[in-house]
Amino acid sequence: MLPLVSCSSGPTLPQLPADAVILAFGDSLTYGTGAAPSESYPAVLSRLTGRRVLNSGVPGEVTAEGLARLEFVLDSQKPALMILCHGGNDLLRQLDRQQAADNLRAMIRMAKGRGIPVILVVVPALGITLSPPPFYSEVAKEFGIPCEEKALAGILSKNALKSDYIHPNAAGYRRLAEALAKLLKQSRAI
């Protein structure tokens, strides 16, 4: 049995002003595949926090593609915080996990190099247990950033919260947004 490693508490973030822009960066889980645009986690999180949350999710994107587009998004949007939810397509396509972890590291470095704090969202590996790949908590610990580890695994383990095998439905995205709002409060960002 694998030890349960939690990365969902600990590091604090700078407090976000009321007019702060939060960048939600990722793949179809960020885009909101399986729900209406107003039901995606970034849209719900915006309503929960009173902050503008920009949805920069691209369905089907792998971490290498995300890394390639991130610089433009950061420089054009100038967010006060980035929520990084990426790696699901790497896992589904059975791409090299070390490369996915390195791509996440490079994205975090790019944001932090611009003074943008990051929250990491763990995407579980699909299988019998929906276990979180260890590289997420390793990356979060390495950079000392807050990490939401349990929400997606919990959501994707319940048919009532899924629109298909790999995507939440509106109720599932609401749960993810609620978990992220809670983490934002715990980390003192809001």
C-alpha atoms as a PDB file:
ATOM      1  CA  MET A   1       0.000   0.000   0.000  1.00  0.00           C
ATOM      2  CA  LEU A   2       1.265   3.462  -0.911  1.00  0.00           C
ATOM      3  CA  PRO A   3       1.541   6.074   1.826  1.00  0.00           C
ATOM      4  CA  LEU A   4      -0.929   8.906   1.521  1.00  0.00           C
ATOM      5  CA  VAL A   5       0.975  12.098   0.893  1.00  0.00           C
ATOM      6  CA  SER A   6      -0.960  15.304   1.223  1.00  0.00           C
ATOM      7  CA  CYS A   7       0.147  18.541  -0.298  1.00  0.00           C
ATOM      8  CA  SER A   8      -3.103  20.419   0.230  1.00  0.00           C
ATOM      9  CA  SER A   9      -2.050  22.542   3.186  1.00  0.00           C
ATOM     10  CA  GLY A  10       0.969  24.440   4.315  1.00  0.00           C
ATOM     11  CA  PRO A  11       2.401  27.089   1.993  1.00  0.00           C
ATOM     12  CA  THR A  12       0.862  30.544   2.041  1.00  0.00           C
ATOM     13  CA  LEU A  13       0.299  32.897  -0.880  1.00  0.00           C
ATOM     14  CA  PRO A  14       0.232  36.684  -1.144  1.00  0.00           C
ATOM     15  CA  GLN A  15      -3.244  38.088  -0.538  1.00  0.00           C
ATOM     16  CA  LEU A  16      -5.084  38.767  -3.796  1.00  0.00           C
ATOM     17  CA  PRO A  17      -6.635  42.202  -4.197  1.00  0.00           C
ATOM     18  CA  ALA A  18     -10.326  42.332  -5.133  1.00  0.00           C
ATOM     19  CA  ASP A  19      -9.473  43.185  -8.751  1.00  0.00           C
ATOM     20  CA  ALA A  20      -6.873  40.388  -9.115  1.00  0.00           C
ATOM     21  CA  VAL A  21      -6.948  38.127 -12.154  1.00  0.00           C
ATOM     22  CA  ILE A  22      -6.484  34.412 -11.508  1.00  0.00           C
ATOM     23  CA  LEU A  23      -5.307  32.327 -14.451  1.00  0.00           C
ATOM     24  CA  ALA A  24      -6.764  28.818 -14.605  1.00  0.00           C
ATOM     25  CA  PHE A  25      -4.312  27.036 -16.911  1.00  0.00           C
ATOM     26  CA  GLY A  26      -4.701  23.475 -18.120  1.00  0.00           C
ATOM     27  CA  ASP A  27      -6.463  21.063 -20.425  1.00  0.00           C
ATOM     28  CA  SER A  28     -10.089  19.902 -20.788  1.00  0.00           C
ATOM     29  CA  LEU A  29     -10.520  19.712 -17.003  1.00  0.00           C
ATOM     30  CA  THR A  30      -9.885  23.462 -16.880  1.00  0.00           C
ATOM     31  CA  TYR A  31     -11.836  24.167 -20.066  1.00  0.00           C
ATOM     32  CA  GLY A  32     -14.857  22.466 -18.545  1.00  0.00           C
ATOM     33  CA  THR A  33     -15.506  19.640 -21.000  1.00  0.00           C
ATOM     34  CA  GLY A  34     -18.719  17.929 -19.936  1.00  0.00           C
ATOM     35  CA  ALA A  35     -20.476  21.057 -18.667  1.00  0.00           C
ATOM     36  CA  ALA A  36     -21.654  24.445 -19.930  1.00  0.00           C
ATOM     37  CA  PRO A  37     -19.006  27.217 -19.951  1.00  0.00           C
ATOM     38  CA  SER A  38     -20.708  28.881 -16.974  1.00  0.00           C
ATOM     39  CA  GLU A  39     -20.341  25.597 -15.034  1.00  0.00           C
ATOM     40  CA  SER A  40     -16.584  25.099 -15.581  1.00  0.00           C
ATOM     41  CA  TYR A  41     -14.473  25.231 -12.437  1.00  0.00           C
ATOM     42  CA  PRO A  42     -12.937  28.625 -13.397  1.00  0.00           C
ATOM     43  CA  ALA A  43     -16.416  30.181 -13.847  1.00  0.00           C
ATOM     44  CA  VAL A  44     -17.665  28.768 -10.542  1.00  0.00           C
ATOM     45  CA  LEU A  45     -14.442  29.743  -8.752  1.00  0.00           C
ATOM     46  CA  SER A  46     -14.863  33.303 -10.019  1.00  0.00           C
ATOM     47  CA  ARG A  47     -18.323  33.475  -8.457  1.00  0.00           C
ATOM     48  CA  LEU A  48     -17.105  31.905  -5.199  1.00  0.00           C
ATOM     49  CA  THR A  49     -14.109  34.213  -4.762  1.00  0.00           C
ATOM     50  CA  GLY A  50     -15.340  37.444  -6.334  1.00  0.00           C
ATOM     51  CA  ARG A  51     -12.147  37.490  -8.435  1.00  0.00           C
ATOM     52  CA  ARG A  52     -11.890  37.330 -12.215  1.00  0.00           C
ATOM     53  CA  VAL A  53     -10.775  33.796 -13.158  1.00  0.00           C
ATOM     54  CA  LEU A  54      -9.534  33.473 -16.720  1.00  0.00           C
ATOM     55  CA  ASN A  55     -10.202  30.064 -18.272  1.00  0.00           C
ATOM     56  CA  SER A  56      -7.153  29.035 -20.296  1.00  0.00           C
ATOM     57  CA  GLY A  57      -7.980  25.367 -20.738  1.00  0.00           C
ATOM     58  CA  VAL A  58      -7.307  23.571 -24.027  1.00  0.00           C
ATOM     59  CA  PRO A  59      -8.975  20.164 -24.449  1.00  0.00           C
ATOM     60  CA  GLY A  60      -6.563  17.389 -25.433  1.00  0.00           C
ATOM     61  CA  GLU A  61      -3.456  19.386 -24.575  1.00  0.00           C
ATOM     62  CA  VAL A  62      -0.433  17.590 -23.113  1.00  0.00           C
ATOM     63  CA  THR A  63       2.043  19.297 -20.782  1.00  0.00           C
ATOM     64  CA  ALA A  64       4.600  19.912 -23.557  1.00  0.00           C
ATOM     65  CA  GLU A  65       1.959  21.859 -25.525  1.00  0.00           C
ATOM     66  CA  GLY A  66       0.914  23.729 -22.395  1.00  0.00           C
ATOM     67  CA  LEU A  67       4.498  24.707 -21.728  1.00  0.00           C
ATOM     68  CA  ALA A  68       4.806  25.972 -25.314  1.00  0.00           C
ATOM     69  CA  ARG A  69       1.786  28.309 -24.985  1.00  0.00           C
ATOM     70  CA  LEU A  70       2.180  29.429 -21.363  1.00  0.00           C
ATOM     71  CA  GLU A  71       4.654  32.276 -21.946  1.00  0.00           C
ATOM     72  CA  PHE A  72       2.245  34.100 -24.265  1.00  0.00           C
ATOM     73  CA  VAL A  73      -0.677  33.627 -21.874  1.00  0.00           C
ATOM     74  CA  LEU A  74       1.270  34.878 -18.846  1.00  0.00           C
ATOM     75  CA  ASP A  75       2.665  37.891 -20.699  1.00  0.00           C
ATOM     76  CA  SER A  76      -0.646  38.880 -22.290  1.00  0.00           C
ATOM     77  CA  GLN A  77      -2.898  38.306 -19.253  1.00  0.00           C
ATOM     78  CA  LYS A  78      -0.520  39.253 -16.393  1.00  0.00           C
ATOM     79  CA  PRO A  79      -2.378  37.239 -13.734  1.00  0.00           C
ATOM     80  CA  ALA A  80      -1.877  37.693 -10.000  1.00  0.00           C
ATOM     81  CA  LEU A  81      -2.055  33.905  -9.473  1.00  0.00           C
ATOM     82  CA  MET A  82      -1.983  30.785 -11.646  1.00  0.00           C
ATOM     83  CA  ILE A  83      -3.886  27.577 -10.930  1.00  0.00           C
ATOM     84  CA  LEU A  84      -2.123  24.814 -12.847  1.00  0.00           C
ATOM     85  CA  CYS A  85      -4.215  21.718 -13.604  1.00  0.00           C
ATOM     86  CA  HIS A  86      -2.300  19.771 -16.225  1.00  0.00           C
ATOM     87  CA  GLY A  87      -0.985  16.300 -16.990  1.00  0.00           C
ATOM     88  CA  GLY A  88      -4.164  14.259 -17.469  1.00  0.00           C
ATOM     89  CA  ASN A  89      -3.585  13.789 -21.187  1.00  0.00           C
ATOM     90  CA  ASP A  90       0.033  12.798 -20.590  1.00  0.00           C
ATOM     91  CA  LEU A  91      -1.250  10.102 -18.216  1.00  0.00           C
ATOM     92  CA  LEU A  92      -4.023   8.962 -20.588  1.00  0.00           C
ATOM     93  CA  ARG A  93      -1.587   8.693 -23.504  1.00  0.00           C
ATOM     94  CA  GLN A  94       0.955   6.964 -21.264  1.00  0.00           C
ATOM     95  CA  LEU A  95       3.592   9.551 -22.025  1.00  0.00           C
ATOM     96  CA  ASP A  96       6.760   9.692 -19.954  1.00  0.00           C
ATOM     97  CA  ARG A  97       5.821  10.757 -16.417  1.00  0.00           C
ATOM     98  CA  GLN A  98       9.253  12.241 -15.749  1.00  0.00           C
ATOM     99  CA  GLN A  99       8.824  14.471 -18.805  1.00  0.00           C
ATOM    100  CA  ALA A 100       5.350  15.526 -17.618  1.00  0.00           C
ATOM    101  CA  ALA A 101       6.807  16.405 -14.206  1.00  0.00           C
ATOM    102  CA  ASP A 102       9.634  18.344 -15.846  1.00  0.00           C
ATOM    103  CA  ASN A 103       7.113  20.253 -17.988  1.00  0.00           C
ATOM    104  CA  LEU A 104       5.108  21.146 -14.871  1.00  0.00           C
ATOM    105  CA  ARG A 105       8.334  22.321 -13.205  1.00  0.00           C
ATOM    106  CA  ALA A 106       9.145  24.495 -16.230  1.00  0.00           C
ATOM    107  CA  MET A 107       5.637  26.027 -16.185  1.00  0.00           C
ATOM    108  CA  ILE A 108       5.904  26.780 -12.467  1.00  0.00           C
ATOM    109  CA  ARG A 109       9.370  28.308 -12.933  1.00  0.00           C
ATOM    110  CA  MET A 110       8.048  30.466 -15.782  1.00  0.00           C
ATOM    111  CA  ALA A 111       5.198  31.802 -13.626  1.00  0.00           C
ATOM    112  CA  LYS A 112       7.328  32.286 -10.510  1.00  0.00           C
ATOM    113  CA  GLY A 113       9.979  34.040 -12.625  1.00  0.00           C
ATOM    114  CA  ARG A 114       7.315  36.652 -13.389  1.00  0.00           C
ATOM    115  CA  GLY A 115       6.369  36.932  -9.727  1.00  0.00           C
ATOM    116  CA  ILE A 116       3.166  34.911 -10.214  1.00  0.00           C
ATOM    117  CA  PRO A 117       2.358  32.460  -7.392  1.00  0.00           C
ATOM    118  CA  VAL A 118       1.087  29.018  -8.401  1.00  0.00           C
ATOM    119  CA  ILE A 119      -1.380  26.473  -7.038  1.00  0.00           C
ATOM    120  CA  LEU A 120      -0.997  22.952  -8.413  1.00  0.00           C
ATOM    121  CA  VAL A 121      -3.999  20.662  -8.958  1.00  0.00           C
ATOM    122  CA  VAL A 122      -3.290  16.931  -8.953  1.00  0.00           C
ATOM    123  CA  VAL A 123      -4.812  14.943 -11.801  1.00  0.00           C
ATOM    124  CA  PRO A 124      -5.176  11.307 -10.746  1.00  0.00           C
ATOM    125  CA  ALA A 125      -4.019   8.432 -12.908  1.00  0.00           C
ATOM    126  CA  LEU A 126      -7.068   6.585 -14.159  1.00  0.00           C
ATOM    127  CA  GLY A 127      -7.262   3.021 -12.966  1.00  0.00           C
ATOM    128  CA  ILE A 128      -8.804   0.989 -10.213  1.00  0.00           C
ATOM    129  CA  THR A 129      -7.822   3.434  -7.455  1.00  0.00           C
ATOM    130  CA  LEU A 130      -7.508   6.841  -9.186  1.00  0.00           C
ATOM    131  CA  SER A 131      -4.238   7.288  -7.326  1.00  0.00           C
ATOM    132  CA  PRO A 132      -2.296  10.527  -7.579  1.00  0.00           C
ATOM    133  CA  PRO A 133       1.013  10.153  -9.400  1.00  0.00           C
ATOM    134  CA  PRO A 134       3.732  10.951  -6.832  1.00  0.00           C
ATOM    135  CA  PHE A 135       5.372  13.544  -9.066  1.00  0.00           C
ATOM    136  CA  TYR A 136       2.653  16.118  -8.294  1.00  0.00           C
ATOM    137  CA  SER A 137       3.331  16.248  -4.565  1.00  0.00           C
ATOM    138  CA  GLU A 138       7.080  16.104  -5.256  1.00  0.00           C
ATOM    139  CA  VAL A 139       6.854  19.128  -7.564  1.00  0.00           C
ATOM    140  CA  ALA A 140       4.642  21.042  -5.098  1.00  0.00           C
ATOM    141  CA  LYS A 141       7.038  20.331  -2.235  1.00  0.00           C
ATOM    142  CA  GLU A 142      10.058  21.262  -4.368  1.00  0.00           C
ATOM    143  CA  PHE A 143       8.588  24.698  -5.133  1.00  0.00           C
ATOM    144  CA  GLY A 144       6.831  25.170  -1.789  1.00  0.00           C
ATOM    145  CA  ILE A 145       3.472  25.798  -3.448  1.00  0.00           C
ATOM    146  CA  PRO A 146      -0.061  24.896  -2.357  1.00  0.00           C
ATOM    147  CA  CYS A 147      -1.436  21.768  -3.961  1.00  0.00           C
ATOM    148  CA  GLU A 148      -4.994  20.436  -4.232  1.00  0.00           C
ATOM    149  CA  GLU A 149      -4.495  16.692  -4.234  1.00  0.00           C
ATOM    150  CA  LYS A 150      -7.789  15.017  -3.387  1.00  0.00           C
ATOM    151  CA  ALA A 151     -10.627  16.846  -5.154  1.00  0.00           C
ATOM    152  CA  LEU A 152     -10.327  15.402  -8.665  1.00  0.00           C
ATOM    153  CA  ALA A 153      -9.796  11.845  -7.456  1.00  0.00           C
ATOM    154  CA  GLY A 154     -12.887  12.137  -5.274  1.00  0.00           C
ATOM    155  CA  ILE A 155     -14.944  13.631  -8.096  1.00  0.00           C
ATOM    156  CA  LEU A 156     -13.868  11.118 -10.719  1.00  0.00           C
ATOM    157  CA  SER A 157     -14.600   8.211  -8.384  1.00  0.00           C
ATOM    158  CA  LYS A 158     -18.323   9.086  -8.316  1.00  0.00           C
ATOM    159  CA  ASN A 159     -20.488   8.531 -11.403  1.00  0.00           C
ATOM    160  CA  ALA A 160     -22.959  11.184 -10.206  1.00  0.00           C
ATOM    161  CA  LEU A 161     -20.196  13.807 -10.536  1.00  0.00           C
ATOM    162  CA  LYS A 162     -18.937  12.775 -14.003  1.00  0.00           C
ATOM    163  CA  SER A 163     -20.119  13.564 -17.525  1.00  0.00           C
ATOM    164  CA  ASP A 164     -18.011  10.735 -18.962  1.00  0.00           C
ATOM    165  CA  TYR A 165     -15.115   8.478 -17.957  1.00  0.00           C
ATOM    166  CA  ILE A 166     -12.587  11.305 -17.534  1.00  0.00           C
ATOM    167  CA  HIS A 167     -14.507  14.574 -17.099  1.00  0.00           C
ATOM    168  CA  PRO A 168     -16.620  15.987 -14.290  1.00  0.00           C
ATOM    169  CA  ASN A 169     -20.124  17.262 -14.885  1.00  0.00           C
ATOM    170  CA  ALA A 170     -21.406  20.617 -13.556  1.00  0.00           C
ATOM    171  CA  ALA A 171     -21.728  19.244 -10.011  1.00  0.00           C
ATOM    172  CA  GLY A 172     -18.188  17.828 -10.195  1.00  0.00           C
ATOM    173  CA  TYR A 173     -16.685  21.091 -11.434  1.00  0.00           C
ATOM    174  CA  ARG A 174     -18.533  22.895  -8.618  1.00  0.00           C
ATOM    175  CA  ARG A 175     -16.843  20.553  -6.106  1.00  0.00           C
ATOM    176  CA  LEU A 176     -13.437  21.259  -7.642  1.00  0.00           C
ATOM    177  CA  ALA A 177     -14.073  25.015  -7.502  1.00  0.00           C
ATOM    178  CA  GLU A 178     -15.171  24.721  -3.863  1.00  0.00           C
ATOM    179  CA  ALA A 179     -12.010  22.777  -2.999  1.00  0.00           C
ATOM    180  CA  LEU A 180      -9.862  25.422  -4.700  1.00  0.00           C
ATOM    181  CA  ALA A 181     -11.704  28.264  -2.966  1.00  0.00           C
ATOM    182  CA  LYS A 182     -11.053  26.514   0.348  1.00  0.00           C
ATOM    183  CA  LEU A 183      -7.349  26.137  -0.530  1.00  0.00           C
ATOM    184  CA  LEU A 184      -7.177  29.833  -1.500  1.00  0.00           C
ATOM    185  CA  LYS A 185      -8.540  30.707   1.932  1.00  0.00           C
ATOM    186  CA  GLN A 186      -6.210  28.274   3.736  1.00  0.00           C
ATOM    187  CA  SER A 187      -3.214  29.707   1.890  1.00  0.00           C
ATOM    188  CA  ARG A 188      -4.407  33.246   2.782  1.00  0.00           C
ATOM    189  CA  ALA A 189      -4.760  34.363  -0.853  1.00  0.00           C
ATOM    190  CA  ILE A 190      -8.358  35.435  -0.179  1.00  0.00           C
END
